[in-house]
Structure formats: C-alpha cells, structure tokens
C-alpha cells in the first residue's frame, strides 16, 4: 500500500473567497490537489491546468454515504 502524505495550509478561519488547498502525495509522487471552497470540492490532478472533478457539498455527502 502506498504511503500517503497530505499537506495543508493551516490557518483557523471560515472558508471565504479563497479555497483551502490540500496537496496529496503517494510514495513521494504528487497525485493532485484537493481544493475546498464554500460551494464545491474540486480535484486538480497532478500537472493539470484545469480541475478534473467538481462536486457540490450535497453531491459529495451522497457519494461518501453511498461508499460506506
């Protein structure tokens, strides 16, 4: 199983107009970046200039509930 590392810009605040970003690595290789905002969750694959997946919070909740 790969070793995962997650980087986070850590500040305590309400998510406003600026996304909160999580950079995700597996075995030292960047998998992508997860950007969390008030309205959506976006996944940006490694070396991508545009987001790959955008989910509303409601759709994300349904997806997580269905996965269990």
C-alpha atoms as a PDB file:
ATOM      1  CA  UNK A   1       0.000   0.000   0.000  1.00  0.00           C
ATOM      2  CA  UNK A   2       1.410   3.440  -0.893  1.00  0.00           C
ATOM      3  CA  UNK A   3       2.469   5.827   1.827  1.00  0.00           C
ATOM      4  CA  UNK A   4       0.302   8.957   1.563  1.00  0.00           C
ATOM      5  CA  UNK A   5       1.325  12.441   2.584  1.00  0.00           C
ATOM      6  CA  UNK A   6      -1.118  15.343   2.788  1.00  0.00           C
ATOM      7  CA  UNK A   7      -0.024  18.979   3.002  1.00  0.00           C
ATOM      8  CA  UNK A   8      -2.397  21.642   4.250  1.00  0.00           C
ATOM      9  CA  UNK A   9      -2.222  25.397   4.523  1.00  0.00           C
ATOM     10  CA  UNK A  10      -3.190  25.654   8.182  1.00  0.00           C
ATOM     11  CA  UNK A  11      -4.977  28.740   9.360  1.00  0.00           C
ATOM     12  CA  UNK A  12      -8.052  28.831  11.556  1.00  0.00           C
ATOM     13  CA  UNK A  13     -10.755  30.694   9.662  1.00  0.00           C
ATOM     14  CA  UNK A  14     -14.087  30.356   7.958  1.00  0.00           C
ATOM     15  CA  UNK A  15     -13.615  29.354   4.327  1.00  0.00           C
ATOM     16  CA  UNK A  16     -14.431  32.532   2.458  1.00  0.00           C
ATOM     17  CA  UNK A  17     -13.486  33.644  -1.027  1.00  0.00           C
ATOM     18  CA  UNK A  18     -10.172  31.777  -1.001  1.00  0.00           C
ATOM     19  CA  UNK A  19     -10.082  27.972  -1.337  1.00  0.00           C
ATOM     20  CA  UNK A  20      -8.354  25.773   1.227  1.00  0.00           C
ATOM     21  CA  UNK A  21      -5.874  23.510  -0.598  1.00  0.00           C
ATOM     22  CA  UNK A  22      -4.614  20.030   0.256  1.00  0.00           C
ATOM     23  CA  UNK A  23      -1.701  18.671  -1.788  1.00  0.00           C
ATOM     24  CA  UNK A  24      -1.810  14.849  -1.877  1.00  0.00           C
ATOM     25  CA  UNK A  25       1.281  12.659  -2.421  1.00  0.00           C
ATOM     26  CA  UNK A  26       1.637   8.862  -2.655  1.00  0.00           C
ATOM     27  CA  UNK A  27       5.127   7.408  -2.184  1.00  0.00           C
ATOM     28  CA  UNK A  28       6.601  10.849  -2.831  1.00  0.00           C
ATOM     29  CA  UNK A  29       4.743  11.405  -6.119  1.00  0.00           C
ATOM     30  CA  UNK A  30       2.112  14.124  -6.296  1.00  0.00           C
ATOM     31  CA  UNK A  31      -1.339  12.685  -7.002  1.00  0.00           C
ATOM     32  CA  UNK A  32      -3.081  16.028  -7.152  1.00  0.00           C
ATOM     33  CA  UNK A  33      -4.609  18.870  -5.185  1.00  0.00           C
ATOM     34  CA  UNK A  34      -7.953  18.978  -3.399  1.00  0.00           C
ATOM     35  CA  UNK A  35      -9.425  22.479  -3.175  1.00  0.00           C
ATOM     36  CA  UNK A  36     -12.256  23.102  -0.731  1.00  0.00           C
ATOM     37  CA  UNK A  37     -14.479  26.164  -1.017  1.00  0.00           C
ATOM     38  CA  UNK A  38     -17.815  27.275   0.373  1.00  0.00           C
ATOM     39  CA  UNK A  39     -19.686  25.941  -2.641  1.00  0.00           C
ATOM     40  CA  UNK A  40     -17.718  22.998  -4.031  1.00  0.00           C
ATOM     41  CA  UNK A  41     -14.899  20.500  -3.699  1.00  0.00           C
ATOM     42  CA  UNK A  42     -12.508  20.455  -6.692  1.00  0.00           C
ATOM     43  CA  UNK A  43      -9.885  17.848  -7.617  1.00  0.00           C
ATOM     44  CA  UNK A  44      -6.911  19.034  -9.678  1.00  0.00           C
ATOM     45  CA  UNK A  45      -4.811  16.087 -10.966  1.00  0.00           C
ATOM     46  CA  UNK A  46      -1.023  16.298 -10.987  1.00  0.00           C
ATOM     47  CA  UNK A  47       0.325  18.734 -13.613  1.00  0.00           C
ATOM     48  CA  UNK A  48      -3.189  19.784 -14.664  1.00  0.00           C
ATOM     49  CA  UNK A  49      -4.090  23.322 -15.706  1.00  0.00           C
ATOM     50  CA  UNK A  50      -7.803  22.759 -15.022  1.00  0.00           C
ATOM     51  CA  UNK A  51      -9.842  20.911 -12.434  1.00  0.00           C
ATOM     52  CA  UNK A  52     -10.895  17.368 -13.181  1.00  0.00           C
ATOM     53  CA  UNK A  53     -13.872  16.942 -10.864  1.00  0.00           C
ATOM     54  CA  UNK A  54     -16.147  19.422  -9.122  1.00  0.00           C
ATOM     55  CA  UNK A  55     -18.683  18.290  -6.530  1.00  0.00           C
ATOM     56  CA  UNK A  56     -21.260  20.291  -4.628  1.00  0.00           C
ATOM     57  CA  UNK A  57     -21.308  19.649  -0.889  1.00  0.00           C
ATOM     58  CA  UNK A  58     -24.630  17.818  -1.255  1.00  0.00           C
ATOM     59  CA  UNK A  59     -23.298  15.570  -4.014  1.00  0.00           C
ATOM     60  CA  UNK A  60     -20.117  14.918  -2.027  1.00  0.00           C
ATOM     61  CA  UNK A  61     -22.195  13.896   1.029  1.00  0.00           C
ATOM     62  CA  UNK A  62     -24.263  11.446  -1.070  1.00  0.00           C
ATOM     63  CA  UNK A  63     -21.112   9.999  -2.636  1.00  0.00           C
ATOM     64  CA  UNK A  64     -19.494   9.436   0.771  1.00  0.00           C
ATOM     65  CA  UNK A  65     -22.668   7.880   2.208  1.00  0.00           C
ATOM     66  CA  UNK A  66     -23.001   5.535  -0.786  1.00  0.00           C
ATOM     67  CA  UNK A  67     -19.344   4.467  -0.479  1.00  0.00           C
ATOM     68  CA  UNK A  68     -19.794   3.062   3.029  1.00  0.00           C
END
